[in-house]
Amino acid sequence: MAKTKADATSGTRWSTRNSVGENAKNVSLTTLQALLVDSIDLYNATRMAHWNLKGSNFIGVHEMLEKFYDALNEQTDMLAERAVLLGGVPNGTSQNVAGSSRLAPYPADLLDSMEHLRELADRYAQVGKALRDGIDETDDAGDADTSDLLTELSRAIDKNLWMIEAHLHGHGSGGR
């Protein structure tokens, strides 16, 4: 496999026989890298909440968040693998995530489960929006397969946001 040119993922692009057009690959690789970083950050925030939350609804929220971060682990893998098959080299290092994530830093001092859920709801909503933006960007560029992948991931994030907001509504938090 021959190295071709720099791209937004890690500075390296590999040639591939994949027939997606070059412009579509460039758009998709940039979009995939940004979503990968945000998704890894969301995974870490979800784990942080899972480990540290306290409250009368502990067990239900604890178990729900474990399922969420397991799903996010799979979703980040899907984003990275899509980038690789387009010839990119995804960068999910801790240093890159810390420097590139579009999400606000997660508070390390939270304990109350409802505070964790409010913080997570904001981040799940932001990633959901970024996924929907990515759907349009990659579709407009001519990469229907990446757009389809992002649609699948968007549905999953939206469902998890709905579940988080249902917990918030059930505790008088009105979802916000």
C-alpha atoms as a PDB file:
ATOM      1  CA  MET A   1       0.000   0.000   0.000  1.00  0.00           C
ATOM      2  CA  ALA A   2       1.459   3.336  -0.975  1.00  0.00           C
ATOM      3  CA  LYS A   3       1.322   6.498   1.062  1.00  0.00           C
ATOM      4  CA  THR A   4      -0.317   9.248  -0.976  1.00  0.00           C
ATOM      5  CA  LYS A   5      -0.892  12.591   0.722  1.00  0.00           C
ATOM      6  CA  ALA A   6      -1.706  14.276   3.999  1.00  0.00           C
ATOM      7  CA  ASP A   7      -5.273  14.417   5.251  1.00  0.00           C
ATOM      8  CA  ALA A   8      -7.185  15.712   8.263  1.00  0.00           C
ATOM      9  CA  THR A   9      -7.151  12.432  10.186  1.00  0.00           C
ATOM     10  CA  SER A  10      -3.493  12.054  11.097  1.00  0.00           C
ATOM     11  CA  GLY A  11      -1.448  13.484   8.262  1.00  0.00           C
ATOM     12  CA  THR A  12      -1.304  10.185   6.403  1.00  0.00           C
ATOM     13  CA  ARG A  13      -3.418   8.874   3.541  1.00  0.00           C
ATOM     14  CA  TRP A  14      -3.059   5.469   2.000  1.00  0.00           C
ATOM     15  CA  SER A  15      -4.097   4.600  -1.508  1.00  0.00           C
ATOM     16  CA  THR A  16      -7.039   2.261  -1.769  1.00  0.00           C
ATOM     17  CA  ARG A  17      -9.033   0.654  -4.549  1.00  0.00           C
ATOM     18  CA  ASN A  18     -12.233   1.908  -2.937  1.00  0.00           C
ATOM     19  CA  SER A  19     -14.118   3.750  -5.681  1.00  0.00           C
ATOM     20  CA  VAL A  20     -15.455   6.609  -3.532  1.00  0.00           C
ATOM     21  CA  GLY A  21     -14.300   9.818  -5.205  1.00  0.00           C
ATOM     22  CA  GLU A  22     -11.345  11.757  -3.815  1.00  0.00           C
ATOM     23  CA  ASN A  23     -13.407  14.787  -2.793  1.00  0.00           C
ATOM     24  CA  ALA A  24     -15.928  12.528  -1.058  1.00  0.00           C
ATOM     25  CA  LYS A  25     -13.087  10.700   0.716  1.00  0.00           C
ATOM     26  CA  ASN A  26     -11.582  13.981   1.896  1.00  0.00           C
ATOM     27  CA  VAL A  27     -14.912  15.248   3.235  1.00  0.00           C
ATOM     28  CA  SER A  28     -15.733  11.906   4.847  1.00  0.00           C
ATOM     29  CA  LEU A  29     -12.313  11.515   6.455  1.00  0.00           C
ATOM     30  CA  THR A  30     -12.486  14.982   7.992  1.00  0.00           C
ATOM     31  CA  THR A  31     -16.026  14.333   9.236  1.00  0.00           C
ATOM     32  CA  LEU A  32     -15.210  10.851  10.532  1.00  0.00           C
ATOM     33  CA  GLN A  33     -12.139  12.067  12.432  1.00  0.00           C
ATOM     34  CA  ALA A  34     -14.077  14.844  14.179  1.00  0.00           C
ATOM     35  CA  LEU A  35     -16.875  12.446  15.101  1.00  0.00           C
ATOM     36  CA  LEU A  36     -14.399   9.817  16.269  1.00  0.00           C
ATOM     37  CA  VAL A  37     -12.776  12.270  18.673  1.00  0.00           C
ATOM     38  CA  ASP A  38     -16.130  13.484  20.002  1.00  0.00           C
ATOM     39  CA  SER A  39     -17.394   9.906  20.379  1.00  0.00           C
ATOM     40  CA  ILE A  40     -14.311   8.828  22.314  1.00  0.00           C
ATOM     41  CA  ASP A  41     -14.752  11.848  24.578  1.00  0.00           C
ATOM     42  CA  LEU A  42     -18.436  10.962  25.061  1.00  0.00           C
ATOM     43  CA  TYR A  43     -17.433   7.357  25.832  1.00  0.00           C
ATOM     44  CA  ASN A  44     -15.014   8.611  28.491  1.00  0.00           C
ATOM     45  CA  ALA A  45     -17.611  10.971  29.996  1.00  0.00           C
ATOM     46  CA  THR A  46     -20.161   8.154  30.115  1.00  0.00           C
ATOM     47  CA  ARG A  47     -17.665   5.869  31.869  1.00  0.00           C
ATOM     48  CA  MET A  48     -16.786   8.650  34.315  1.00  0.00           C
ATOM     49  CA  ALA A  49     -20.456   9.057  35.225  1.00  0.00           C
ATOM     50  CA  HIS A  50     -20.924   5.270  35.443  1.00  0.00           C
ATOM     51  CA  TRP A  51     -18.049   4.946  37.902  1.00  0.00           C
ATOM     52  CA  ASN A  52     -18.855   7.895  40.131  1.00  0.00           C
ATOM     53  CA  LEU A  53     -22.595   8.458  40.315  1.00  0.00           C
ATOM     54  CA  LYS A  54     -24.491   8.271  43.595  1.00  0.00           C
ATOM     55  CA  GLY A  55     -28.180   8.525  44.436  1.00  0.00           C
ATOM     56  CA  SER A  56     -31.374   6.605  45.092  1.00  0.00           C
ATOM     57  CA  ASN A  57     -31.573   5.576  41.427  1.00  0.00           C
ATOM     58  CA  PHE A  58     -27.957   4.387  41.373  1.00  0.00           C
ATOM     59  CA  ILE A  59     -28.363   0.839  40.102  1.00  0.00           C
ATOM     60  CA  GLY A  60     -30.680   1.655  37.207  1.00  0.00           C
ATOM     61  CA  VAL A  61     -28.569   4.564  35.955  1.00  0.00           C
ATOM     62  CA  HIS A  62     -25.323   2.669  36.583  1.00  0.00           C
ATOM     63  CA  GLU A  63     -26.511  -0.277  34.466  1.00  0.00           C
ATOM     64  CA  MET A  64     -27.940   1.986  31.749  1.00  0.00           C
ATOM     65  CA  LEU A  65     -24.675   3.902  31.394  1.00  0.00           C
ATOM     66  CA  GLU A  66     -22.685   0.681  31.176  1.00  0.00           C
ATOM     67  CA  LYS A  67     -24.778  -0.300  28.153  1.00  0.00           C
ATOM     68  CA  PHE A  68     -24.269   3.165  26.678  1.00  0.00           C
ATOM     69  CA  TYR A  69     -20.490   3.116  26.916  1.00  0.00           C
ATOM     70  CA  ASP A  70     -20.352  -0.437  25.566  1.00  0.00           C
ATOM     71  CA  ALA A  71     -22.366   0.775  22.551  1.00  0.00           C
ATOM     72  CA  LEU A  72     -20.132   3.846  22.179  1.00  0.00           C
ATOM     73  CA  ASN A  73     -17.093   1.582  22.137  1.00  0.00           C
ATOM     74  CA  GLU A  74     -18.563  -0.263  19.146  1.00  0.00           C
ATOM     75  CA  GLN A  75     -19.615   2.988  17.480  1.00  0.00           C
ATOM     76  CA  THR A  76     -16.133   4.498  17.718  1.00  0.00           C
ATOM     77  CA  ASP A  77     -14.758   1.334  16.161  1.00  0.00           C
ATOM     78  CA  MET A  78     -17.213   1.677  13.268  1.00  0.00           C
ATOM     79  CA  LEU A  79     -16.172   5.301  12.696  1.00  0.00           C
ATOM     80  CA  ALA A  80     -12.467   4.419  12.758  1.00  0.00           C
ATOM     81  CA  GLU A  81     -12.886   1.415  10.475  1.00  0.00           C
ATOM     82  CA  ARG A  82     -14.822   3.497   7.941  1.00  0.00           C
ATOM     83  CA  ALA A  83     -11.964   6.008   7.914  1.00  0.00           C
ATOM     84  CA  VAL A  84      -9.415   3.221   7.388  1.00  0.00           C
ATOM     85  CA  LEU A  85     -11.277   1.699   4.470  1.00  0.00           C
ATOM     86  CA  LEU A  86     -11.366   5.140   2.811  1.00  0.00           C
ATOM     87  CA  GLY A  87      -7.565   5.296   3.112  1.00  0.00           C
ATOM     88  CA  GLY A  88      -7.325   7.371   6.293  1.00  0.00           C
ATOM     89  CA  VAL A  89      -5.465   6.801   9.521  1.00  0.00           C
ATOM     90  CA  PRO A  90      -7.830   7.715  12.372  1.00  0.00           C
ATOM     91  CA  ASN A  91      -6.274   9.303  15.424  1.00  0.00           C
ATOM     92  CA  GLY A  92      -7.899   8.345  18.703  1.00  0.00           C
ATOM     93  CA  THR A  93      -4.955   8.923  21.031  1.00  0.00           C
ATOM     94  CA  SER A  94      -5.717  10.493  24.384  1.00  0.00           C
ATOM     95  CA  GLN A  95      -3.616  13.503  23.435  1.00  0.00           C
ATOM     96  CA  ASN A  96      -5.523  14.045  20.194  1.00  0.00           C
ATOM     97  CA  VAL A  97      -8.906  13.573  21.852  1.00  0.00           C
ATOM     98  CA  ALA A  98      -8.006  16.057  24.597  1.00  0.00           C
ATOM     99  CA  GLY A  99      -6.860  18.616  22.045  1.00  0.00           C
ATOM    100  CA  SER A 100      -9.540  18.124  19.387  1.00  0.00           C
ATOM    101  CA  SER A 101     -12.835  17.242  21.064  1.00  0.00           C
ATOM    102  CA  ARG A 102     -15.641  19.702  20.484  1.00  0.00           C
ATOM    103  CA  LEU A 103     -17.285  18.667  23.761  1.00  0.00           C
ATOM    104  CA  ALA A 104     -16.847  20.653  26.962  1.00  0.00           C
ATOM    105  CA  PRO A 105     -14.521  19.047  29.505  1.00  0.00           C
ATOM    106  CA  TYR A 106     -16.453  16.673  31.741  1.00  0.00           C
ATOM    107  CA  PRO A 107     -16.583  17.775  35.400  1.00  0.00           C
ATOM    108  CA  ALA A 108     -14.495  15.396  37.478  1.00  0.00           C
ATOM    109  CA  ASP A 109     -16.141  16.313  40.785  1.00  0.00           C
ATOM    110  CA  LEU A 110     -19.749  15.204  40.200  1.00  0.00           C
ATOM    111  CA  LEU A 111     -21.395  12.545  42.347  1.00  0.00           C
ATOM    112  CA  ASP A 112     -25.158  13.115  42.094  1.00  0.00           C
ATOM    113  CA  SER A 113     -26.651  10.898  39.403  1.00  0.00           C
ATOM    114  CA  MET A 114     -28.988  13.648  38.160  1.00  0.00           C
ATOM    115  CA  GLU A 115     -26.077  16.063  37.738  1.00  0.00           C
ATOM    116  CA  HIS A 116     -24.237  13.397  35.748  1.00  0.00           C
ATOM    117  CA  LEU A 117     -27.301  12.827  33.567  1.00  0.00           C
ATOM    118  CA  ARG A 118     -27.713  16.565  32.891  1.00  0.00           C
ATOM    119  CA  GLU A 119     -24.062  16.792  31.829  1.00  0.00           C
ATOM    120  CA  LEU A 120     -24.381  13.685  29.662  1.00  0.00           C
ATOM    121  CA  ALA A 121     -27.638  14.857  28.070  1.00  0.00           C
ATOM    122  CA  ASP A 122     -25.918  17.998  26.793  1.00  0.00           C
ATOM    123  CA  ARG A 123     -23.069  15.956  25.322  1.00  0.00           C
ATOM    124  CA  TYR A 124     -25.300  13.287  23.750  1.00  0.00           C
ATOM    125  CA  ALA A 125     -27.364  16.070  22.146  1.00  0.00           C
ATOM    126  CA  GLN A 126     -24.208  17.715  20.794  1.00  0.00           C
ATOM    127  CA  VAL A 127     -22.877  14.465  19.327  1.00  0.00           C
ATOM    128  CA  GLY A 128     -26.318  13.729  17.854  1.00  0.00           C
ATOM    129  CA  LYS A 129     -26.309  17.100  16.113  1.00  0.00           C
ATOM    130  CA  ALA A 130     -22.751  16.578  14.871  1.00  0.00           C
ATOM    131  CA  LEU A 131     -23.773  13.191  13.459  1.00  0.00           C
ATOM    132  CA  ARG A 132     -26.741  14.739  11.632  1.00  0.00           C
ATOM    133  CA  ASP A 133     -24.480  17.462  10.239  1.00  0.00           C
ATOM    134  CA  GLY A 134     -22.058  14.746   9.141  1.00  0.00           C
ATOM    135  CA  ILE A 135     -24.868  12.833   7.430  1.00  0.00           C
ATOM    136  CA  ASP A 136     -25.587  15.858   5.251  1.00  0.00           C
ATOM    137  CA  GLU A 137     -21.900  16.679   4.618  1.00  0.00           C
ATOM    138  CA  THR A 138     -20.940  13.178   3.516  1.00  0.00           C
ATOM    139  CA  ASP A 139     -24.112  12.682   1.470  1.00  0.00           C
ATOM    140  CA  ASP A 140     -23.620  16.017  -0.308  1.00  0.00           C
ATOM    141  CA  ALA A 141     -20.015  15.016  -1.070  1.00  0.00           C
ATOM    142  CA  GLY A 142     -21.177  11.757  -2.671  1.00  0.00           C
ATOM    143  CA  ASP A 143     -20.333   9.198   0.020  1.00  0.00           C
ATOM    144  CA  ALA A 144     -23.684   7.532   0.651  1.00  0.00           C
ATOM    145  CA  ASP A 145     -22.114   4.685   2.644  1.00  0.00           C
ATOM    146  CA  THR A 146     -20.552   6.992   5.236  1.00  0.00           C
ATOM    147  CA  SER A 147     -23.806   8.951   5.361  1.00  0.00           C
ATOM    148  CA  ASP A 148     -25.666   5.690   5.994  1.00  0.00           C
ATOM    149  CA  LEU A 149     -23.257   4.721   8.788  1.00  0.00           C
ATOM    150  CA  LEU A 150     -23.703   8.114  10.437  1.00  0.00           C
ATOM    151  CA  THR A 151     -27.483   7.734  10.167  1.00  0.00           C
ATOM    152  CA  GLU A 152     -27.260   4.428  12.040  1.00  0.00           C
ATOM    153  CA  LEU A 153     -25.085   5.975  14.741  1.00  0.00           C
ATOM    154  CA  SER A 154     -27.348   9.028  14.986  1.00  0.00           C
ATOM    155  CA  ARG A 155     -30.352   6.835  15.745  1.00  0.00           C
ATOM    156  CA  ALA A 156     -28.447   5.088  18.532  1.00  0.00           C
ATOM    157  CA  ILE A 157     -27.245   8.346  20.115  1.00  0.00           C
ATOM    158  CA  ASP A 158     -30.739   9.841  19.878  1.00  0.00           C
ATOM    159  CA  LYS A 159     -32.214   6.790  21.600  1.00  0.00           C
ATOM    160  CA  ASN A 160     -29.712   7.052  24.439  1.00  0.00           C
ATOM    161  CA  LEU A 161     -30.405  10.784  24.780  1.00  0.00           C
ATOM    162  CA  TRP A 162     -34.115   9.980  25.013  1.00  0.00           C
ATOM    163  CA  MET A 163     -33.422   7.497  27.839  1.00  0.00           C
ATOM    164  CA  ILE A 164     -31.276  10.008  29.721  1.00  0.00           C
ATOM    165  CA  GLU A 165     -33.925  12.700  29.349  1.00  0.00           C
ATOM    166  CA  ALA A 166     -36.622  10.270  30.544  1.00  0.00           C
ATOM    167  CA  HIS A 167     -34.649   9.852  33.790  1.00  0.00           C
ATOM    168  CA  LEU A 168     -34.316  13.612  34.133  1.00  0.00           C
ATOM    169  CA  HIS A 169     -38.036  14.175  33.575  1.00  0.00           C
ATOM    170  CA  GLY A 170     -38.847  11.506  36.117  1.00  0.00           C
ATOM    171  CA  HIS A 171     -36.912  13.419  38.755  1.00  0.00           C
ATOM    172  CA  GLY A 172     -38.481  16.821  38.205  1.00  0.00           C
ATOM    173  CA  SER A 173     -35.558  18.070  36.125  1.00  0.00           C
ATOM    174  CA  GLY A 174     -37.662  18.741  33.040  1.00  0.00           C
ATOM    175  CA  GLY A 175     -34.995  17.296  30.811  1.00  0.00           C
ATOM    176  CA  ARG A 176     -32.730  20.340  31.204  1.00  0.00           C
END
